Amino acid sequence: DLALNGSLRHNPNVLSVGEIRSAEEIKFFMGLALRGHMAFTTFHTGSSEEAIDMFLKHVSENELRNVLNLFIHQELLPKVCYECNGEGEKISVVKGVENRVRCSNCLGSGSKGVVPVYEIVKFKTLSPADDLRNLKKLLEEDKIIYLSKHEVVEDLFEKGIISKSDWDKAIAS
């Protein structure tokens, strides 16, 4: 807090605050935003709705509505190995005999690397009557631009980038 308070003396245009974990940090962050600073932060939640709920436990809906612009929720899912197509094995033909061998690219796991899955909520003009917790209604009223995690997961699965089991897990959450 001391370093961040000291940096405010230089009148920064943008502030990036590391991960927020406590009620005190949320209130401090909101104070920065309410004073007109463009402020970014990170925190751990399972969705944009959970992030909004986390803020609303510690600040008023009116305060959040006045500074809210964008929430991005990110998850990382395993990418299907392009060598074995997620099987973990490849077929090797030696002297006309087919053998299954462990994929050397993914070491038999079926996945290689990760792919980010985003949920994006971009808020437009909000009125005092708008319920920040009801993203579905805000979307219907054209008060947000919304890219759902499910749309992204569906696209990644259709392109063969993620496995069916990871698709199932992501859709269920």
C-alpha atoms as a PDB file:
ATOM      1  CA  ASP A   1       0.000   0.000   0.000  1.00  0.00           C
ATOM      2  CA  LEU A   2       2.828   2.407   0.826  1.00  0.00           C
ATOM      3  CA  ALA A   3       4.409   2.120  -2.629  1.00  0.00           C
ATOM      4  CA  LEU A   4       1.062   2.518  -4.364  1.00  0.00           C
ATOM      5  CA  ASN A   5       0.170   5.552  -2.262  1.00  0.00           C
ATOM      6  CA  GLY A   6       3.557   7.050  -3.109  1.00  0.00           C
ATOM      7  CA  SER A   7       3.007   6.504  -6.814  1.00  0.00           C
ATOM      8  CA  LEU A   8      -0.258   8.483  -6.644  1.00  0.00           C
ATOM      9  CA  ARG A   9       1.791  11.648  -6.008  1.00  0.00           C
ATOM     10  CA  HIS A  10       2.950  11.388  -9.626  1.00  0.00           C
ATOM     11  CA  ASN A  11      -0.651  11.494 -10.909  1.00  0.00           C
ATOM     12  CA  PRO A  12      -0.513   8.307 -13.015  1.00  0.00           C
ATOM     13  CA  ASN A  13      -2.973   7.791 -15.860  1.00  0.00           C
ATOM     14  CA  VAL A  14      -3.187   4.034 -15.368  1.00  0.00           C
ATOM     15  CA  LEU A  15      -2.646   1.871 -12.294  1.00  0.00           C
ATOM     16  CA  SER A  16      -2.174  -1.875 -12.285  1.00  0.00           C
ATOM     17  CA  VAL A  17      -2.640  -3.501  -8.910  1.00  0.00           C
ATOM     18  CA  GLY A  18      -1.512  -7.092  -8.390  1.00  0.00           C
ATOM     19  CA  GLU A  19      -3.870  -9.755  -7.170  1.00  0.00           C
ATOM     20  CA  ILE A  20      -6.561  -8.602  -4.749  1.00  0.00           C
ATOM     21  CA  ARG A  21      -7.288 -10.995  -1.887  1.00  0.00           C
ATOM     22  CA  SER A  22      -8.849  -9.086   1.006  1.00  0.00           C
ATOM     23  CA  ALA A  23     -11.716  -6.724   1.721  1.00  0.00           C
ATOM     24  CA  GLU A  24      -9.194  -3.988   2.552  1.00  0.00           C
ATOM     25  CA  GLU A  25      -7.510  -4.399  -0.837  1.00  0.00           C
ATOM     26  CA  ILE A  26     -10.861  -4.279  -2.650  1.00  0.00           C
ATOM     27  CA  LYS A  27     -11.808  -1.059  -0.867  1.00  0.00           C
ATOM     28  CA  PHE A  28      -8.395   0.480  -1.599  1.00  0.00           C
ATOM     29  CA  PHE A  29      -8.650  -0.499  -5.266  1.00  0.00           C
ATOM     30  CA  MET A  30     -12.166   0.932  -5.533  1.00  0.00           C
ATOM     31  CA  GLY A  31     -10.941   4.153  -3.947  1.00  0.00           C
ATOM     32  CA  LEU A  32      -8.371   4.488  -6.736  1.00  0.00           C
ATOM     33  CA  ALA A  33     -10.996   3.926  -9.400  1.00  0.00           C
ATOM     34  CA  LEU A  34     -13.506   6.288  -7.762  1.00  0.00           C
ATOM     35  CA  ARG A  35     -10.856   9.047  -7.751  1.00  0.00           C
ATOM     36  CA  GLY A  36     -10.746   8.762 -11.547  1.00  0.00           C
ATOM     37  CA  HIS A  37      -7.683   6.562 -12.077  1.00  0.00           C
ATOM     38  CA  MET A  38      -7.929   3.880 -14.721  1.00  0.00           C
ATOM     39  CA  ALA A  39      -7.174   0.827 -12.611  1.00  0.00           C
ATOM     40  CA  PHE A  40      -6.678  -2.848 -13.414  1.00  0.00           C
ATOM     41  CA  THR A  41      -6.339  -5.795 -11.077  1.00  0.00           C
ATOM     42  CA  THR A  42      -6.537  -9.568 -10.902  1.00  0.00           C
ATOM     43  CA  PHE A  43      -8.241 -11.943  -8.475  1.00  0.00           C
ATOM     44  CA  HIS A  44      -9.334 -15.556  -8.367  1.00  0.00           C
ATOM     45  CA  THR A  45     -12.984 -16.377  -9.055  1.00  0.00           C
ATOM     46  CA  GLY A  46     -14.770 -18.973 -11.158  1.00  0.00           C
ATOM     47  CA  SER A  47     -16.697 -16.540 -13.389  1.00  0.00           C
ATOM     48  CA  SER A  48     -17.489 -12.895 -14.055  1.00  0.00           C
ATOM     49  CA  GLU A  49     -20.603 -13.204 -11.886  1.00  0.00           C
ATOM     50  CA  GLU A  50     -18.476 -14.409  -8.971  1.00  0.00           C
ATOM     51  CA  ALA A  51     -16.104 -11.485  -9.497  1.00  0.00           C
ATOM     52  CA  ILE A  52     -18.984  -9.011  -9.368  1.00  0.00           C
ATOM     53  CA  ASP A  53     -20.329 -10.707  -6.232  1.00  0.00           C
ATOM     54  CA  MET A  54     -16.889 -10.523  -4.637  1.00  0.00           C
ATOM     55  CA  PHE A  55     -16.740  -6.761  -5.164  1.00  0.00           C
ATOM     56  CA  LEU A  56     -20.339  -6.235  -4.010  1.00  0.00           C
ATOM     57  CA  LYS A  57     -19.595  -7.884  -0.668  1.00  0.00           C
ATOM     58  CA  HIS A  58     -17.310  -4.949   0.130  1.00  0.00           C
ATOM     59  CA  VAL A  59     -18.519  -1.919  -1.862  1.00  0.00           C
ATOM     60  CA  SER A  60     -21.917  -0.565  -2.823  1.00  0.00           C
ATOM     61  CA  GLU A  61     -23.512  -1.428  -6.132  1.00  0.00           C
ATOM     62  CA  ASN A  62     -23.591   2.288  -6.959  1.00  0.00           C
ATOM     63  CA  GLU A  63     -19.823   2.625  -6.396  1.00  0.00           C
ATOM     64  CA  LEU A  64     -19.104  -0.398  -8.571  1.00  0.00           C
ATOM     65  CA  ARG A  65     -21.521   0.780 -11.276  1.00  0.00           C
ATOM     66  CA  ASN A  66     -19.713   4.150 -11.424  1.00  0.00           C
ATOM     67  CA  VAL A  67     -16.301   2.650 -12.164  1.00  0.00           C
ATOM     68  CA  LEU A  68     -17.067  -0.664 -13.817  1.00  0.00           C
ATOM     69  CA  ASN A  69     -15.972  -1.100 -17.397  1.00  0.00           C
ATOM     70  CA  LEU A  70     -14.784  -4.613 -18.088  1.00  0.00           C
ATOM     71  CA  PHE A  71     -14.415  -8.051 -16.527  1.00  0.00           C
ATOM     72  CA  ILE A  72     -12.344 -10.783 -18.168  1.00  0.00           C
ATOM     73  CA  HIS A  73     -12.421 -14.249 -16.689  1.00  0.00           C
ATOM     74  CA  GLN A  74      -9.722 -16.663 -17.861  1.00  0.00           C
ATOM     75  CA  GLU A  75      -9.263 -20.397 -17.495  1.00  0.00           C
ATOM     76  CA  LEU A  76      -6.524 -22.516 -19.005  1.00  0.00           C
ATOM     77  CA  LEU A  77      -7.442 -25.819 -20.630  1.00  0.00           C
ATOM     78  CA  PRO A  78      -5.056 -28.489 -21.905  1.00  0.00           C
ATOM     79  CA  LYS A  79      -4.494 -28.456 -25.686  1.00  0.00           C
ATOM     80  CA  VAL A  80      -4.888 -31.697 -27.569  1.00  0.00           C
ATOM     81  CA  CYS A  81      -1.513 -32.974 -28.769  1.00  0.00           C
ATOM     82  CA  TYR A  82      -1.304 -32.429 -32.530  1.00  0.00           C
ATOM     83  CA  GLU A  83       0.965 -35.458 -32.995  1.00  0.00           C
ATOM     84  CA  CYS A  84      -1.312 -38.125 -31.505  1.00  0.00           C
ATOM     85  CA  ASN A  85      -4.626 -36.227 -31.678  1.00  0.00           C
ATOM     86  CA  GLY A  86      -5.089 -36.573 -27.939  1.00  0.00           C
ATOM     87  CA  GLU A  87      -4.688 -40.340 -27.891  1.00  0.00           C
ATOM     88  CA  GLY A  88      -1.325 -40.406 -26.101  1.00  0.00           C
ATOM     89  CA  GLU A  89      -0.199 -43.057 -28.539  1.00  0.00           C
ATOM     90  CA  LYS A  90       0.743 -43.229 -32.184  1.00  0.00           C
ATOM     91  CA  ILE A  91       0.670 -46.161 -34.539  1.00  0.00           C
ATOM     92  CA  SER A  92       4.087 -47.199 -35.709  1.00  0.00           C
ATOM     93  CA  VAL A  93       4.463 -49.573 -38.634  1.00  0.00           C
ATOM     94  CA  VAL A  94       7.655 -51.626 -38.560  1.00  0.00           C
ATOM     95  CA  LYS A  95       8.120 -54.319 -41.225  1.00  0.00           C
ATOM     96  CA  GLY A  96       4.402 -54.284 -41.949  1.00  0.00           C
ATOM     97  CA  VAL A  97       3.388 -54.750 -38.306  1.00  0.00           C
ATOM     98  CA  GLU A  98       1.380 -52.051 -36.575  1.00  0.00           C
ATOM     99  CA  ASN A  99       2.424 -51.193 -33.021  1.00  0.00           C
ATOM    100  CA  ARG A 100       1.041 -48.613 -30.647  1.00  0.00           C
ATOM    101  CA  VAL A 101       3.834 -46.490 -29.168  1.00  0.00           C
ATOM    102  CA  ARG A 102       3.711 -43.708 -26.631  1.00  0.00           C
ATOM    103  CA  CYS A 103       3.615 -40.288 -28.295  1.00  0.00           C
ATOM    104  CA  SER A 104       7.004 -38.640 -27.907  1.00  0.00           C
ATOM    105  CA  ASN A 105       5.535 -35.145 -28.311  1.00  0.00           C
ATOM    106  CA  CYS A 106       3.197 -35.281 -25.286  1.00  0.00           C
ATOM    107  CA  LEU A 107       4.916 -38.176 -23.486  1.00  0.00           C
ATOM    108  CA  GLY A 108       1.713 -40.176 -23.666  1.00  0.00           C
ATOM    109  CA  SER A 109      -0.508 -37.635 -21.903  1.00  0.00           C
ATOM    110  CA  GLY A 110      -2.563 -36.713 -24.973  1.00  0.00           C
ATOM    111  CA  SER A 111      -2.135 -32.999 -24.303  1.00  0.00           C
ATOM    112  CA  LYS A 112       0.620 -30.526 -25.025  1.00  0.00           C
ATOM    113  CA  GLY A 113       0.452 -27.002 -23.654  1.00  0.00           C
ATOM    114  CA  VAL A 114      -2.608 -25.000 -22.653  1.00  0.00           C
ATOM    115  CA  VAL A 115      -5.080 -22.718 -24.346  1.00  0.00           C
ATOM    116  CA  PRO A 116      -6.765 -19.764 -22.604  1.00  0.00           C
ATOM    117  CA  VAL A 117     -10.545 -19.699 -22.436  1.00  0.00           C
ATOM    118  CA  TYR A 118     -12.030 -16.256 -21.855  1.00  0.00           C
ATOM    119  CA  GLU A 119     -15.348 -14.924 -20.685  1.00  0.00           C
ATOM    120  CA  ILE A 120     -15.601 -11.198 -21.420  1.00  0.00           C
ATOM    121  CA  VAL A 121     -18.167  -8.768 -20.043  1.00  0.00           C
ATOM    122  CA  LYS A 122     -17.893  -5.206 -21.412  1.00  0.00           C
ATOM    123  CA  PHE A 123     -20.264  -2.815 -19.687  1.00  0.00           C
ATOM    124  CA  LYS A 124     -21.940  -0.033 -21.632  1.00  0.00           C
ATOM    125  CA  THR A 125     -23.898   2.794 -19.985  1.00  0.00           C
ATOM    126  CA  LEU A 126     -25.495   1.594 -16.766  1.00  0.00           C
ATOM    127  CA  SER A 127     -28.376   3.240 -14.947  1.00  0.00           C
ATOM    128  CA  PRO A 128     -28.887   3.196 -11.158  1.00  0.00           C
ATOM    129  CA  ALA A 129     -31.720   0.678 -11.663  1.00  0.00           C
ATOM    130  CA  ASP A 130     -29.521  -1.894 -13.438  1.00  0.00           C
ATOM    131  CA  ASP A 131     -28.789  -5.046 -11.449  1.00  0.00           C
ATOM    132  CA  LEU A 132     -25.094  -5.842 -11.934  1.00  0.00           C
ATOM    133  CA  ARG A 133     -25.677  -9.418 -10.818  1.00  0.00           C
ATOM    134  CA  ASN A 134     -28.116 -10.128 -13.660  1.00  0.00           C
ATOM    135  CA  LEU A 135     -25.872 -10.325 -16.717  1.00  0.00           C
ATOM    136  CA  LYS A 136     -28.559 -12.105 -18.744  1.00  0.00           C
ATOM    137  CA  LYS A 137     -30.978  -9.194 -18.349  1.00  0.00           C
ATOM    138  CA  LEU A 138     -28.228  -6.631 -19.055  1.00  0.00           C
ATOM    139  CA  LEU A 139     -27.392  -8.507 -22.256  1.00  0.00           C
ATOM    140  CA  GLU A 140     -31.069  -8.597 -23.312  1.00  0.00           C
ATOM    141  CA  GLU A 141     -31.278  -4.830 -22.695  1.00  0.00           C
ATOM    142  CA  ASP A 142     -28.071  -4.247 -24.733  1.00  0.00           C
ATOM    143  CA  LYS A 143     -26.245  -2.814 -21.704  1.00  0.00           C
ATOM    144  CA  ILE A 144     -23.301  -5.206 -22.004  1.00  0.00           C
ATOM    145  CA  ILE A 145     -21.285  -6.902 -24.699  1.00  0.00           C
ATOM    146  CA  TYR A 146     -20.794 -10.507 -23.671  1.00  0.00           C
ATOM    147  CA  LEU A 147     -18.612 -13.337 -24.907  1.00  0.00           C
ATOM    148  CA  SER A 148     -19.479 -16.437 -22.927  1.00  0.00           C
ATOM    149  CA  LYS A 149     -16.948 -19.030 -21.868  1.00  0.00           C
ATOM    150  CA  HIS A 150     -19.250 -21.673 -23.342  1.00  0.00           C
ATOM    151  CA  GLU A 151     -19.049 -20.093 -26.817  1.00  0.00           C
ATOM    152  CA  VAL A 152     -15.251 -20.103 -26.668  1.00  0.00           C
ATOM    153  CA  VAL A 153     -15.089 -23.691 -25.369  1.00  0.00           C
ATOM    154  CA  GLU A 154     -17.492 -24.857 -28.085  1.00  0.00           C
ATOM    155  CA  ASP A 155     -15.346 -23.228 -30.781  1.00  0.00           C
ATOM    156  CA  LEU A 156     -12.138 -24.759 -29.396  1.00  0.00           C
ATOM    157  CA  PHE A 157     -13.735 -28.213 -29.274  1.00  0.00           C
ATOM    158  CA  GLU A 158     -15.114 -27.950 -32.818  1.00  0.00           C
ATOM    159  CA  LYS A 159     -11.622 -27.032 -34.062  1.00  0.00           C
ATOM    160  CA  GLY A 160     -10.108 -30.033 -32.249  1.00  0.00           C
ATOM    161  CA  ILE A 161      -8.003 -27.875 -29.932  1.00  0.00           C
ATOM    162  CA  ILE A 162      -9.449 -29.287 -26.699  1.00  0.00           C
ATOM    163  CA  SER A 163     -10.647 -32.794 -25.854  1.00  0.00           C
ATOM    164  CA  LYS A 164     -14.220 -33.943 -25.280  1.00  0.00           C
ATOM    165  CA  SER A 165     -13.518 -34.568 -21.579  1.00  0.00           C
ATOM    166  CA  ASP A 166     -12.152 -31.026 -21.119  1.00  0.00           C
ATOM    167  CA  TRP A 167     -15.130 -29.673 -23.077  1.00  0.00           C
ATOM    168  CA  ASP A 168     -17.461 -31.555 -20.694  1.00  0.00           C
ATOM    169  CA  LYS A 169     -15.708 -30.145 -17.608  1.00  0.00           C
ATOM    170  CA  ALA A 170     -15.693 -26.568 -18.928  1.00  0.00           C
ATOM    171  CA  ILE A 171     -19.351 -26.636 -19.992  1.00  0.00           C
ATOM    172  CA  ALA A 172     -20.385 -28.072 -16.608  1.00  0.00           C
ATOM    173  CA  SER A 173     -18.691 -25.246 -14.661  1.00  0.00           C
END
